Amino acid sequence: MSELTSVWHYTTADGLHSIVTKSVLWASSHRFMNDSEEPKYATNVLRAAAAEVRLGLHSEQAERFDKLMRFAERSNLEAFLLCGAHQPDLLTVWRGYGSAVPYAIELDAQIELLPVAQSDIGEHPSPPQGWGRHVVDEDEDGRPIYGEDPDAVRVEVQAWAPVQYDPSTARSRVERIAKLAARRPDALADALLPWTNLAGIDLLQLKHPAFEDEREARMVFEVHPRWKFVKHRTTRFGLTPYIEVSAPERGNQHAINDRFLTKPASRLPIRAVHIGPSPLGDESVDSLAEFLEFHGYPNVPIEKSSTPFR
């Protein structure tokens, strides 16, 4: 459950139209963010903190610490980010849309959003060479032990959370890892550590302090297998991977505890819409209200930005 009650998702007129008519939001690959250095920032901060903490460990602990830190860095992480802000009328964010009239959609942060599957089949439709389960070991009777099924569905979701601009949060994480390194090794516990105690995908909630004025919040998603969830769209970065996310409701999950959806919801948890700086008056409010009403969102509050249009 998120610690936030509301999040404002900023978007263009085209984005608003798509969100309302299709009942999905787009979470883009973390490797295709506007700040090209962002994916590396959290890892670099984590490594710097680890170098300091490691100095206080004896050799056996340091060796185990290094192993756990490799898990913690999650260098092979392929995550998707859905971004928002704590407030609806931030000049810092409006400026990014130039002369076009932008919008900020208030979402109920207490309503969970989950990835929408793009296929209902159970196996890769066009598997690359080497795809499939592989023998990783054998039991005492010589029978093969197979590794993870690459077609098995596994989804990890980080609820809406404020982006952290204080790098000291990485130090706290590293210190927790150092305490784990001091424990007696256990093969089963170590196998579970990357998903529990170490670096969950919330590591991507850390951002450079220079962006603090954006007051950003994020949801973070990790999906497997990618062929079942990932789509691609054209952006200024080229072909950009993204996933669609929507709200769970009766009829769009195979089981109540599934971490993904079989189809979008009929409605998203939209609480209000804020119109960005605009040269128009009440006509922009009237048009938006009519649009929302015609698509299942009557009586949604609408506000106009107090920021002057330029």
Protein backbone atom coordinates (compact mmCIF):
# COMPACT_ATOMS: atom_id res chain seq x y z
CA MET A 1 0.00 0.00 0.00
CA SER A 2 1.32 3.43 -0.94
CA GLU A 3 2.14 6.03 1.70
CA LEU A 4 0.63 8.63 -0.67
CA THR A 5 -3.07 9.32 -1.09
CA SER A 6 -2.92 11.10 -4.46
CA VAL A 7 -0.43 11.45 -7.31
CA TRP A 8 -0.61 13.85 -10.26
CA HIS A 9 0.36 12.36 -13.61
CA TYR A 10 1.40 15.11 -16.06
CA THR A 11 0.71 14.52 -19.73
CA THR A 12 -0.12 16.07 -23.10
CA ALA A 13 -3.59 16.43 -24.65
CA ASP A 14 -2.87 13.30 -26.72
CA GLY A 15 -1.78 11.50 -23.57
CA LEU A 16 -4.93 12.50 -21.69
CA HIS A 17 -7.11 11.37 -24.59
CA SER A 18 -5.39 7.97 -24.72
CA ILE A 19 -5.49 7.45 -20.95
CA VAL A 20 -9.20 8.21 -20.68
CA THR A 21 -10.37 6.34 -23.80
CA LYS A 22 -8.18 3.24 -23.35
CA SER A 23 -8.08 3.06 -19.52
CA VAL A 24 -4.34 2.44 -19.46
CA LEU A 25 -1.24 4.39 -18.44
CA TRP A 26 2.19 3.82 -19.95
CA ALA A 27 5.18 2.88 -17.82
CA SER A 28 8.38 3.34 -19.84
CA SER A 29 11.68 1.51 -19.58
CA HIS A 30 13.94 3.08 -16.95
CA ARG A 31 16.76 3.04 -19.52
CA PHE A 32 14.91 5.54 -21.73
CA MET A 33 14.37 8.40 -19.27
CA ASN A 34 14.96 12.07 -20.17
CA ASP A 35 18.04 12.11 -17.95
CA SER A 36 20.39 9.66 -19.70
CA GLU A 37 22.51 9.26 -16.55
CA GLU A 38 19.58 8.47 -14.28
CA PRO A 39 19.76 4.64 -14.55
CA LYS A 40 23.40 4.76 -13.42
CA TYR A 41 22.96 7.28 -10.61
CA ALA A 42 21.46 5.00 -7.93
CA THR A 43 23.97 2.24 -8.67
CA ASN A 44 26.92 4.66 -8.44
CA VAL A 45 25.66 6.06 -5.13
CA LEU A 46 25.19 2.52 -3.83
CA ARG A 47 28.73 1.56 -4.85
CA ALA A 48 30.26 4.62 -3.23
CA ALA A 49 28.48 3.86 0.05
CA ALA A 50 29.54 0.21 -0.19
CA ALA A 51 33.21 1.15 -0.57
CA GLU A 52 33.07 3.08 2.71
CA VAL A 53 31.15 0.41 4.65
CA ARG A 54 33.42 -2.39 3.39
CA LEU A 55 36.43 -0.83 5.11
CA GLY A 56 34.94 -1.80 8.47
CA LEU A 57 34.49 -5.52 7.66
CA HIS A 58 36.94 -8.36 8.21
CA SER A 59 37.96 -10.48 5.22
CA GLU A 60 35.33 -13.24 5.51
CA GLN A 61 32.51 -10.72 5.97
CA ALA A 62 33.86 -8.58 3.13
CA GLU A 63 33.79 -11.52 0.71
CA ARG A 64 30.17 -12.28 1.57
CA PHE A 65 29.34 -8.56 1.51
CA ASP A 66 30.72 -8.31 -2.05
CA LYS A 67 28.50 -11.20 -3.13
CA LEU A 68 25.39 -9.62 -1.62
CA MET A 69 26.24 -6.24 -3.14
CA ARG A 70 26.33 -7.79 -6.61
CA PHE A 71 22.73 -8.82 -6.02
CA ALA A 72 21.90 -5.41 -4.61
CA GLU A 73 23.17 -3.48 -7.62
CA ARG A 74 20.73 -5.33 -9.89
CA SER A 75 22.84 -4.41 -12.93
CA ASN A 76 20.63 -6.57 -15.15
CA LEU A 77 17.44 -4.89 -13.95
CA GLU A 78 14.88 -4.17 -16.67
CA ALA A 79 12.26 -2.04 -14.96
CA PHE A 80 9.46 0.25 -16.09
CA LEU A 81 8.57 3.58 -14.46
CA LEU A 82 5.22 5.35 -14.16
CA CYS A 83 5.90 8.91 -13.06
CA GLY A 84 3.83 11.53 -11.29
CA ALA A 85 4.22 14.40 -8.84
CA HIS A 86 3.00 15.34 -5.37
CA GLN A 87 1.30 18.52 -6.62
CA PRO A 88 -0.86 19.48 -9.63
CA ASP A 89 0.42 22.92 -10.59
CA LEU A 90 4.22 22.81 -10.71
CA LEU A 91 5.78 25.39 -13.01
CA THR A 92 8.95 23.28 -13.20
CA VAL A 93 6.95 20.47 -14.81
CA TRP A 94 4.68 22.65 -16.98
CA ARG A 95 7.75 24.20 -18.62
CA GLY A 96 8.70 20.84 -20.06
CA TYR A 97 5.66 20.92 -22.36
CA GLY A 98 6.60 24.13 -24.20
CA SER A 99 3.71 26.01 -25.81
CA ALA A 100 1.30 23.04 -25.88
CA VAL A 101 -1.42 22.96 -23.21
CA PRO A 102 -0.61 20.11 -20.78
CA TYR A 103 -2.74 18.37 -18.17
CA ALA A 104 -2.21 16.82 -14.75
CA ILE A 105 -4.43 13.86 -13.85
CA GLU A 106 -5.00 13.20 -10.16
CA LEU A 107 -4.87 9.46 -9.46
CA ASP A 108 -5.92 7.72 -6.27
CA ALA A 109 -2.57 6.36 -5.09
CA GLN A 110 -4.30 3.85 -2.81
CA ILE A 111 -5.68 1.97 -5.84
CA GLU A 112 -3.08 -0.48 -7.09
CA LEU A 113 -2.10 -0.43 -10.75
CA LEU A 114 -0.87 -3.64 -12.41
CA PRO A 115 0.68 -4.55 -15.79
CA VAL A 116 -1.69 -5.61 -18.58
CA ALA A 117 -0.71 -8.80 -20.42
CA GLN A 118 -0.62 -8.39 -24.20
CA SER A 119 -0.95 -12.12 -24.90
CA ASP A 120 -2.91 -14.95 -23.31
CA ILE A 121 -0.70 -17.77 -24.60
CA GLY A 122 1.65 -19.62 -22.29
CA GLU A 123 4.77 -19.98 -24.42
CA HIS A 124 6.99 -17.59 -26.38
CA PRO A 125 5.40 -17.30 -29.86
CA SER A 126 8.78 -17.02 -31.62
CA PRO A 127 11.48 -18.13 -29.18
CA PRO A 128 15.10 -17.21 -29.91
CA GLN A 129 17.80 -19.85 -30.03
CA GLY A 130 18.49 -21.31 -26.60
CA TRP A 131 15.10 -20.39 -25.16
CA GLY A 132 13.62 -22.88 -22.69
CA ARG A 133 14.42 -24.56 -19.41
CA HIS A 134 17.97 -25.80 -19.00
CA VAL A 135 19.49 -28.44 -16.74
CA VAL A 136 21.33 -26.70 -13.90
CA ASP A 137 22.18 -29.70 -11.73
CA GLU A 138 21.19 -33.27 -10.96
CA ASP A 139 19.86 -34.94 -7.85
CA GLU A 140 21.53 -37.75 -5.91
CA ASP A 141 19.93 -40.31 -8.23
CA GLY A 142 21.33 -38.61 -11.31
CA ARG A 143 18.03 -37.13 -12.44
CA PRO A 144 18.23 -33.66 -14.01
CA ILE A 145 17.24 -30.55 -12.08
CA TYR A 146 15.91 -27.82 -14.33
CA GLY A 147 16.27 -24.08 -13.90
CA GLU A 148 13.55 -21.45 -14.06
CA ASP A 149 11.00 -21.64 -16.86
CA PRO A 150 11.60 -18.52 -19.00
CA ASP A 151 7.88 -18.45 -19.88
CA ALA A 152 6.77 -18.43 -16.24
CA VAL A 153 5.02 -15.19 -15.27
CA ARG A 154 6.75 -13.17 -12.57
CA VAL A 155 5.78 -9.58 -11.80
CA GLU A 156 7.18 -7.24 -9.17
CA VAL A 157 5.41 -3.96 -8.36
CA GLN A 158 6.55 -1.04 -6.20
CA ALA A 159 3.56 1.07 -5.09
CA TRP A 160 3.53 4.84 -5.58
CA ALA A 161 6.33 6.31 -3.49
CA PRO A 162 8.05 9.69 -3.32
CA VAL A 163 11.34 9.87 -5.19
CA GLN A 164 14.26 10.17 -2.79
CA TYR A 165 16.74 12.96 -3.48
CA ASP A 166 18.92 12.29 -0.43
CA PRO A 167 21.77 9.89 -1.29
CA SER A 168 22.14 8.94 2.39
CA THR A 169 19.23 6.52 1.90
CA ALA A 170 21.67 4.35 -0.08
CA ARG A 171 24.02 4.30 2.91
CA SER A 172 21.23 2.89 5.11
CA ARG A 173 20.61 0.13 2.56
CA VAL A 174 24.30 -0.79 2.42
CA GLU A 175 24.54 -0.92 6.21
CA ARG A 176 21.65 -3.39 6.27
CA ILE A 177 23.50 -5.52 3.73
CA ALA A 178 26.64 -5.42 5.91
CA LYS A 179 24.61 -6.81 8.83
CA LEU A 180 23.39 -9.63 6.61
CA ALA A 181 26.98 -10.36 5.59
CA ALA A 182 27.85 -10.91 9.26
CA ARG A 183 25.30 -13.75 9.54
CA ARG A 184 26.16 -17.40 9.04
CA PRO A 185 25.77 -18.30 5.32
CA ASP A 186 22.67 -20.30 4.37
CA ALA A 187 22.16 -21.42 0.75
CA LEU A 188 18.35 -21.16 0.76
CA ALA A 189 18.29 -17.82 2.57
CA ASP A 190 20.93 -16.41 0.22
CA ALA A 191 18.86 -17.45 -2.80
CA LEU A 192 15.91 -15.46 -1.45
CA LEU A 193 17.88 -12.39 -0.36
CA PRO A 194 17.82 -10.50 -3.69
CA TRP A 195 14.01 -10.43 -3.62
CA THR A 196 13.54 -9.61 0.05
CA ASN A 197 16.25 -7.88 2.02
CA LEU A 198 18.50 -6.37 -0.59
CA ALA A 199 17.71 -4.16 -3.55
CA GLY A 200 14.16 -4.45 -4.67
CA ILE A 201 13.13 -2.32 -7.60
CA ASP A 202 12.58 0.58 -5.21
CA LEU A 203 16.28 1.33 -5.81
CA LEU A 204 14.96 3.28 -8.81
CA GLN A 205 13.22 5.69 -6.44
CA LEU A 206 16.57 7.44 -5.91
CA LYS A 207 17.28 10.48 -8.10
CA HIS A 208 19.87 13.24 -8.29
CA PRO A 209 19.17 16.18 -5.89
CA ALA A 210 19.24 18.63 -8.83
CA PHE A 211 15.74 17.39 -9.78
CA GLU A 212 14.17 17.93 -6.35
CA ASP A 213 11.89 20.74 -7.61
CA GLU A 214 9.97 18.17 -9.67
CA ARG A 215 8.65 16.60 -6.41
CA GLU A 216 8.32 13.34 -8.26
CA ALA A 217 6.59 10.12 -7.25
CA ARG A 218 6.93 6.81 -9.07
CA MET A 219 5.54 3.35 -9.47
CA VAL A 220 8.12 0.78 -10.57
CA PHE A 221 7.36 -2.49 -12.37
CA GLU A 222 9.42 -5.51 -13.36
CA VAL A 223 7.78 -8.05 -15.69
CA HIS A 224 8.70 -11.54 -16.91
CA PRO A 225 8.50 -12.84 -19.53
CA ARG A 226 8.96 -9.64 -21.48
CA TRP A 227 7.30 -11.01 -24.62
CA LYS A 228 4.03 -11.24 -22.70
CA PHE A 229 3.94 -7.61 -21.50
CA VAL A 230 6.33 -5.30 -23.35
CA LYS A 231 5.28 -3.07 -26.25
CA HIS A 232 7.34 -0.51 -28.21
CA ARG A 233 6.62 3.05 -29.31
CA THR A 234 8.57 5.68 -31.18
CA THR A 235 10.08 8.52 -29.14
CA ARG A 236 12.99 10.91 -29.61
CA PHE A 237 15.14 8.08 -28.24
CA GLY A 238 14.03 5.71 -31.02
CA LEU A 239 12.01 2.56 -30.31
CA THR A 240 11.20 2.76 -26.60
CA PRO A 241 9.97 -0.27 -24.59
CA TYR A 242 6.95 0.31 -22.37
CA ILE A 243 4.14 -1.57 -20.65
CA GLU A 244 0.48 -0.73 -20.15
CA VAL A 245 -0.84 -0.61 -16.59
CA SER A 246 -4.42 -0.40 -15.36
CA ALA A 247 -6.54 -1.02 -12.28
CA PRO A 248 -7.74 -4.46 -11.14
CA GLU A 249 -11.48 -5.06 -11.18
CA ARG A 250 -13.85 -7.99 -11.35
CA GLY A 251 -13.21 -9.91 -14.54
CA ASN A 252 -9.71 -8.77 -15.55
CA GLN A 253 -7.59 -11.19 -13.50
CA HIS A 254 -7.27 -14.97 -13.69
CA ALA A 255 -7.01 -15.08 -9.91
CA ILE A 256 -7.40 -12.47 -7.18
CA ASN A 257 -3.73 -12.79 -6.16
CA ASP A 258 -2.36 -12.38 -9.70
CA ARG A 259 0.09 -9.50 -10.10
CA PHE A 260 -1.06 -8.77 -13.66
CA LEU A 261 -4.25 -8.10 -15.60
CA THR A 262 -5.77 -9.85 -18.61
CA LYS A 263 -7.33 -6.62 -19.93
CA PRO A 264 -7.63 -2.94 -18.92
CA ALA A 265 -10.18 -1.80 -16.36
CA SER A 266 -13.37 -0.08 -17.43
CA ARG A 267 -12.24 3.00 -15.46
CA LEU A 268 -9.03 4.27 -13.96
CA PRO A 269 -8.89 5.75 -10.41
CA ILE A 270 -9.06 9.35 -11.70
CA ARG A 271 -10.01 11.87 -8.99
CA ALA A 272 -9.55 15.17 -10.84
CA VAL A 273 -7.88 16.80 -13.83
CA HIS A 274 -5.86 20.01 -13.78
CA ILE A 275 -5.46 22.04 -16.99
CA GLY A 276 -2.01 23.52 -17.44
CA PRO A 277 -1.22 27.10 -18.54
CA SER A 278 -3.58 27.94 -21.40
CA PRO A 279 -4.57 31.01 -23.47
CA LEU A 280 -8.21 29.89 -23.30
CA GLY A 281 -10.80 30.56 -20.61
CA ASP A 282 -13.82 28.56 -19.48
CA GLU A 283 -14.17 26.92 -22.89
CA SER A 284 -11.20 24.66 -22.09
CA VAL A 285 -12.92 23.54 -18.88
CA ASP A 286 -16.24 22.96 -20.67
CA SER A 287 -14.59 20.88 -23.41
CA LEU A 288 -12.68 18.73 -20.91
CA ALA A 289 -15.76 18.19 -18.75
CA GLU A 290 -17.76 17.03 -21.77
CA PHE A 291 -14.97 14.70 -22.89
CA LEU A 292 -14.71 13.12 -19.43
CA GLU A 293 -18.49 12.75 -19.15
CA PHE A 294 -18.75 11.01 -22.53
CA HIS A 295 -16.12 8.46 -21.46
CA GLY A 296 -17.45 7.46 -18.06
CA TYR A 297 -16.04 10.15 -15.78
CA PRO A 298 -18.94 12.55 -15.07
CA ASN A 299 -18.55 15.11 -12.29
CA VAL A 300 -14.77 14.76 -12.09
CA PRO A 301 -13.45 18.04 -10.64
CA ILE A 302 -11.53 20.23 -13.11
CA GLU A 303 -9.18 23.06 -12.22
CA LYS A 304 -7.22 25.54 -14.34
CA SER A 305 -3.60 26.34 -13.59
CA SER A 306 -2.94 29.63 -11.86
CA THR A 307 0.33 29.91 -13.81
CA PRO A 308 0.11 32.55 -16.58
CA PHE A 309 0.32 31.29 -20.16
CA ARG A 310 3.35 32.50 -22.16
